[in-house]
Amino acid sequence: MENLRIGICDDESMDLAQIMDLVKLYDHENQFMVTTFLHASDLLDAATKLVFDIVLLDIEMEPPNGYEIAKKLIELPAPPVVIFATKSNAYALKGYGIAVRYLQKPVTRDAFYEAMDAAIADAIAHRLTFQIDNMLVSIRLRDVQYIETFGHYTVVHTDQESYRFRSTLKEMMAKLPKGYFVSPHKSYIVNLEHIRSASASEISMNCGVKIPIGRKRMSDFNEALYRFLGR
């Protein structure tokens, strides 16, 4: 499974170390790519260059505090799942709708594991998971450019790689969120976020690939694209 990228931010070095120790205990198979920060502004700056799947964030820090940064993080094109960890409960109610969990310091192992289970489930919900031979592959939905099918085989194309495995277009569409993916042709599924332009007969993807639009699917494709652009 593709590694999850985790960001941890706390301006108290001892608290940061304790959270890091809990992450290491939880991540016993070394599945995470972890980056730590002592300043919330540094985390926000990094998040504009890297995509974090999960962020563990203290609230009470020097301005801008963790709550203010979290509000900006969830407005990013690829927002992380946020877990708050703090000594105060002053932000507990405000934190709902921003954070998936709210941990009271000192953080216990059981509470941390429960929070991480929920955060990972949320992060994986934004992923496409499939089996290639005996290997489970999990990629971010936002990284999928387009998908093409050949009979009972499917190829998922991202910027970096292509993955071939047994599946049908119908099975793939059932795994994908409505409103972000559409099938303009019997052999293709496209990620609407990666469309550069579209004519009456074909789609130009950001990666440079041209995808045909089936005549019978043109109306549905146009409706899906306009609805996506008008969000």
Protein backbone atom coordinates (compact mmCIF):
# COMPACT_ATOMS: atom_id res chain seq x y z
CA MET A 1 0.00 0.00 0.00
CA GLU A 2 1.26 3.48 -0.83
CA ASN A 3 2.67 5.19 2.24
CA LEU A 4 0.56 7.76 4.06
CA ARG A 5 2.16 11.17 4.52
CA ILE A 6 1.74 12.40 8.09
CA GLY A 7 2.45 15.91 9.40
CA ILE A 8 2.93 16.53 13.14
CA CYS A 9 3.04 20.07 14.53
CA ASP A 10 3.56 21.13 18.14
CA ASP A 11 5.60 24.05 19.50
CA GLU A 12 6.45 22.07 22.66
CA SER A 13 9.35 19.79 21.78
CA MET A 14 8.51 17.27 24.54
CA ASP A 15 4.89 16.99 23.39
CA LEU A 16 6.06 16.66 19.80
CA ALA A 17 8.39 13.83 20.81
CA GLN A 18 5.58 12.06 22.70
CA ILE A 19 3.26 12.18 19.68
CA MET A 20 6.10 10.96 17.47
CA ASP A 21 6.68 8.02 19.82
CA LEU A 22 2.98 7.11 19.58
CA VAL A 23 3.14 7.30 15.79
CA LYS A 24 6.12 4.92 15.76
CA LEU A 25 4.27 2.46 18.02
CA TYR A 26 1.18 2.63 15.84
CA ASP A 27 3.13 2.43 12.58
CA HIS A 28 4.96 -0.80 13.38
CA GLU A 29 5.22 -1.70 9.67
CA ASN A 30 6.76 1.67 8.69
CA GLN A 31 3.91 2.64 6.37
CA PHE A 32 4.06 6.38 7.13
CA MET A 33 6.20 9.20 5.80
CA VAL A 34 6.37 11.56 8.79
CA THR A 35 7.42 15.23 8.88
CA THR A 36 7.48 17.23 12.12
CA PHE A 37 7.08 20.97 12.67
CA LEU A 38 7.53 23.30 15.64
CA HIS A 39 5.63 26.19 14.03
CA ALA A 40 2.15 26.04 12.48
CA SER A 41 3.10 28.45 9.72
CA ASP A 42 5.89 26.06 8.63
CA LEU A 43 3.36 23.25 8.39
CA LEU A 44 1.04 25.36 6.24
CA ASP A 45 3.91 26.34 3.97
CA ALA A 46 4.92 22.69 3.55
CA ALA A 47 1.31 21.67 2.86
CA THR A 48 1.23 23.97 -0.18
CA LYS A 49 4.12 21.93 -1.66
CA LEU A 50 3.44 18.43 -0.30
CA VAL A 51 0.17 16.56 0.09
CA PHE A 52 -0.36 15.41 3.66
CA ASP A 53 -2.92 12.66 4.24
CA ILE A 54 -3.17 13.23 7.99
CA VAL A 55 -2.07 16.14 10.20
CA LEU A 56 -1.70 15.89 13.98
CA LEU A 57 -1.87 19.46 15.22
CA ASP A 58 -1.58 21.22 18.56
CA ILE A 59 -3.96 24.19 18.90
CA GLU A 60 -2.38 26.49 21.46
CA MET A 61 0.70 27.83 19.70
CA GLU A 62 2.14 31.24 18.92
CA PRO A 63 -0.01 33.01 16.29
CA PRO A 64 -1.15 31.73 13.94
CA ASN A 65 -2.36 29.00 16.26
CA GLY A 66 -3.21 25.46 15.25
CA TYR A 67 -6.93 26.10 14.90
CA GLU A 68 -6.32 29.00 12.49
CA ILE A 69 -3.91 26.91 10.44
CA ALA A 70 -6.31 23.93 10.38
CA LYS A 71 -9.02 26.13 8.85
CA LYS A 72 -6.59 26.97 6.04
CA LEU A 73 -5.44 23.37 5.62
CA ILE A 74 -8.96 22.07 4.97
CA GLU A 75 -9.41 24.69 2.24
CA LEU A 76 -6.47 23.30 0.24
CA PRO A 77 -7.25 21.48 -3.05
CA ALA A 78 -6.15 18.24 -1.36
CA PRO A 79 -6.97 18.79 2.34
CA PRO A 80 -5.53 16.48 4.99
CA VAL A 81 -7.47 14.73 7.72
CA VAL A 82 -6.87 16.78 10.88
CA ILE A 83 -6.45 15.47 14.44
CA PHE A 84 -6.21 18.11 17.18
CA ALA A 85 -4.10 17.44 20.28
CA THR A 86 -4.10 20.06 23.05
CA LYS A 87 -4.05 20.59 26.81
CA SER A 88 -7.10 22.87 26.68
CA ASN A 89 -10.69 22.05 25.80
CA ALA A 90 -11.45 25.66 24.83
CA TYR A 91 -11.56 24.78 21.13
CA ALA A 92 -13.35 21.46 21.45
CA LEU A 93 -16.68 22.63 20.06
CA LYS A 94 -15.10 24.86 17.42
CA GLY A 95 -12.96 21.94 16.30
CA TYR A 96 -15.92 19.88 15.15
CA GLY A 97 -16.23 19.99 11.39
CA ILE A 98 -12.50 20.65 11.05
CA ALA A 99 -10.88 17.75 12.91
CA VAL A 100 -11.83 14.09 12.76
CA ARG A 101 -10.73 13.67 16.40
CA TYR A 102 -9.81 15.87 19.39
CA LEU A 103 -7.14 14.45 21.74
CA GLN A 104 -6.54 15.71 25.26
CA LYS A 105 -2.90 15.95 26.38
CA PRO A 106 -1.16 14.00 27.68
CA VAL A 107 -2.38 11.73 24.89
CA THR A 108 -2.98 8.13 25.89
CA ARG A 109 -2.08 5.26 23.63
CA ASP A 110 -5.68 3.99 23.39
CA ALA A 111 -7.06 7.42 22.49
CA PHE A 112 -4.32 7.93 19.93
CA TYR A 113 -4.89 4.55 18.28
CA GLU A 114 -8.64 5.19 18.08
CA ALA A 115 -8.04 8.62 16.51
CA MET A 116 -5.57 7.23 13.98
CA ASP A 117 -7.94 4.39 13.03
CA ALA A 118 -10.63 6.96 12.26
CA ALA A 119 -8.26 9.28 10.40
CA ILE A 120 -6.85 6.51 8.23
CA ALA A 121 -10.35 5.27 7.39
CA ASP A 122 -11.22 8.81 6.31
CA ALA A 123 -8.00 9.17 4.29
CA ILE A 124 -8.44 5.80 2.57
CA ALA A 125 -11.99 6.79 1.59
CA HIS A 126 -10.27 9.26 -0.73
CA ARG A 127 -8.18 6.51 -2.31
CA LEU A 128 -8.61 3.89 -5.03
CA THR A 129 -7.55 0.45 -3.87
CA PHE A 130 -7.04 -2.60 -6.07
CA GLN A 131 -5.14 -5.88 -6.23
CA ILE A 132 -2.26 -6.58 -8.64
CA ASP A 133 -1.21 -10.23 -8.34
CA ASN A 134 -0.69 -10.62 -4.57
CA MET A 135 0.00 -6.94 -3.90
CA LEU A 136 -2.55 -4.46 -2.58
CA VAL A 137 -2.15 -1.05 -4.23
CA SER A 138 -3.76 2.12 -2.84
CA ILE A 139 -3.44 5.43 -4.68
CA ARG A 140 -4.98 8.84 -4.07
CA LEU A 141 -8.08 9.46 -6.15
CA ARG A 142 -6.85 12.96 -6.93
CA ASP A 143 -3.73 11.43 -8.57
CA VAL A 144 -5.77 9.41 -11.08
CA GLN A 145 -5.72 11.09 -14.49
CA TYR A 146 -7.82 8.57 -16.42
CA ILE A 147 -8.68 4.90 -16.58
CA GLU A 148 -8.97 2.71 -19.65
CA THR A 149 -10.45 -0.77 -19.90
CA PHE A 150 -9.81 -3.66 -22.30
CA GLY A 151 -12.36 -6.40 -21.81
CA HIS A 152 -11.76 -7.66 -18.29
CA TYR A 153 -8.57 -5.65 -17.79
CA THR A 154 -8.16 -2.09 -16.54
CA VAL A 155 -5.23 0.34 -16.66
CA VAL A 156 -5.22 3.20 -14.13
CA HIS A 157 -3.03 6.09 -15.23
CA THR A 158 -1.49 8.65 -12.86
CA ASP A 159 1.17 11.28 -13.53
CA GLN A 160 3.87 8.90 -12.38
CA GLU A 161 2.74 5.36 -13.14
CA SER A 162 0.22 3.08 -14.83
CA TYR A 163 -1.34 0.07 -13.08
CA ARG A 164 -2.83 -2.91 -14.99
CA PHE A 165 -5.12 -5.43 -13.31
CA ARG A 166 -8.29 -7.43 -13.87
CA SER A 167 -11.46 -5.34 -13.62
CA THR A 168 -14.25 -3.96 -15.79
CA LEU A 169 -15.37 -0.40 -16.40
CA LYS A 170 -18.58 -1.06 -14.47
CA GLU A 171 -16.62 -2.36 -11.47
CA MET A 172 -14.30 0.66 -11.57
CA MET A 173 -17.15 3.19 -11.76
CA ALA A 174 -18.70 1.61 -8.68
CA LYS A 175 -15.50 2.42 -6.71
CA LEU A 176 -15.28 6.05 -7.77
CA PRO A 177 -17.05 9.08 -6.25
CA LYS A 178 -19.82 10.53 -8.37
CA GLY A 179 -19.25 14.09 -9.47
CA TYR A 180 -15.49 13.67 -9.95
CA PHE A 181 -15.26 10.82 -12.46
CA VAL A 182 -17.25 10.24 -15.63
CA SER A 183 -17.16 7.74 -18.48
CA PRO A 184 -17.22 9.63 -21.80
CA HIS A 185 -16.59 6.45 -23.80
CA LYS A 186 -17.24 2.73 -23.27
CA SER A 187 -13.52 2.15 -22.71
CA TYR A 188 -12.57 5.19 -20.61
CA ILE A 189 -13.15 6.93 -17.30
CA VAL A 190 -11.72 10.42 -16.77
CA ASN A 191 -11.03 12.45 -13.65
CA LEU A 192 -12.82 15.76 -14.22
CA GLU A 193 -10.15 17.57 -12.19
CA HIS A 194 -7.52 16.71 -14.80
CA ILE A 195 -9.35 17.83 -17.93
CA ARG A 196 -7.54 20.59 -19.80
CA SER A 197 -10.16 21.12 -22.52
CA ALA A 198 -12.96 19.32 -24.34
CA SER A 199 -14.41 19.53 -27.84
CA ALA A 200 -17.47 17.84 -29.31
CA SER A 201 -15.50 14.67 -30.01
CA GLU A 202 -12.58 14.42 -27.61
CA ILE A 203 -11.10 15.41 -24.25
CA SER A 204 -7.60 16.75 -23.73
CA MET A 205 -6.18 15.67 -20.38
CA ASN A 206 -3.55 17.60 -18.43
CA CYS A 207 -1.11 14.76 -19.08
CA GLY A 208 -1.47 15.34 -22.86
CA VAL A 209 -3.59 12.26 -23.62
CA LYS A 210 -6.65 12.60 -25.87
CA ILE A 211 -9.79 10.70 -24.80
CA PRO A 212 -12.63 10.13 -27.30
CA ILE A 213 -16.20 11.09 -26.42
CA GLY A 214 -18.81 8.56 -27.52
CA ARG A 215 -21.72 10.06 -29.39
CA LYS A 216 -24.28 8.47 -27.08
CA ARG A 217 -22.39 9.65 -24.00
CA MET A 218 -21.80 13.26 -25.04
CA SER A 219 -24.84 14.70 -23.27
CA ASP A 220 -24.07 12.92 -19.97
CA PHE A 221 -20.42 13.95 -20.18
CA ASN A 222 -21.24 17.61 -20.81
CA GLU A 223 -23.74 17.65 -17.95
CA ALA A 224 -21.19 16.11 -15.56
CA LEU A 225 -18.46 18.54 -16.65
CA TYR A 226 -20.65 21.64 -16.29
CA ARG A 227 -21.88 20.48 -12.90
CA PHE A 228 -18.28 19.91 -11.78
CA LEU A 229 -17.10 23.32 -13.02
CA GLY A 230 -20.07 25.02 -11.35
CA ARG A 231 -19.41 23.63 -7.89
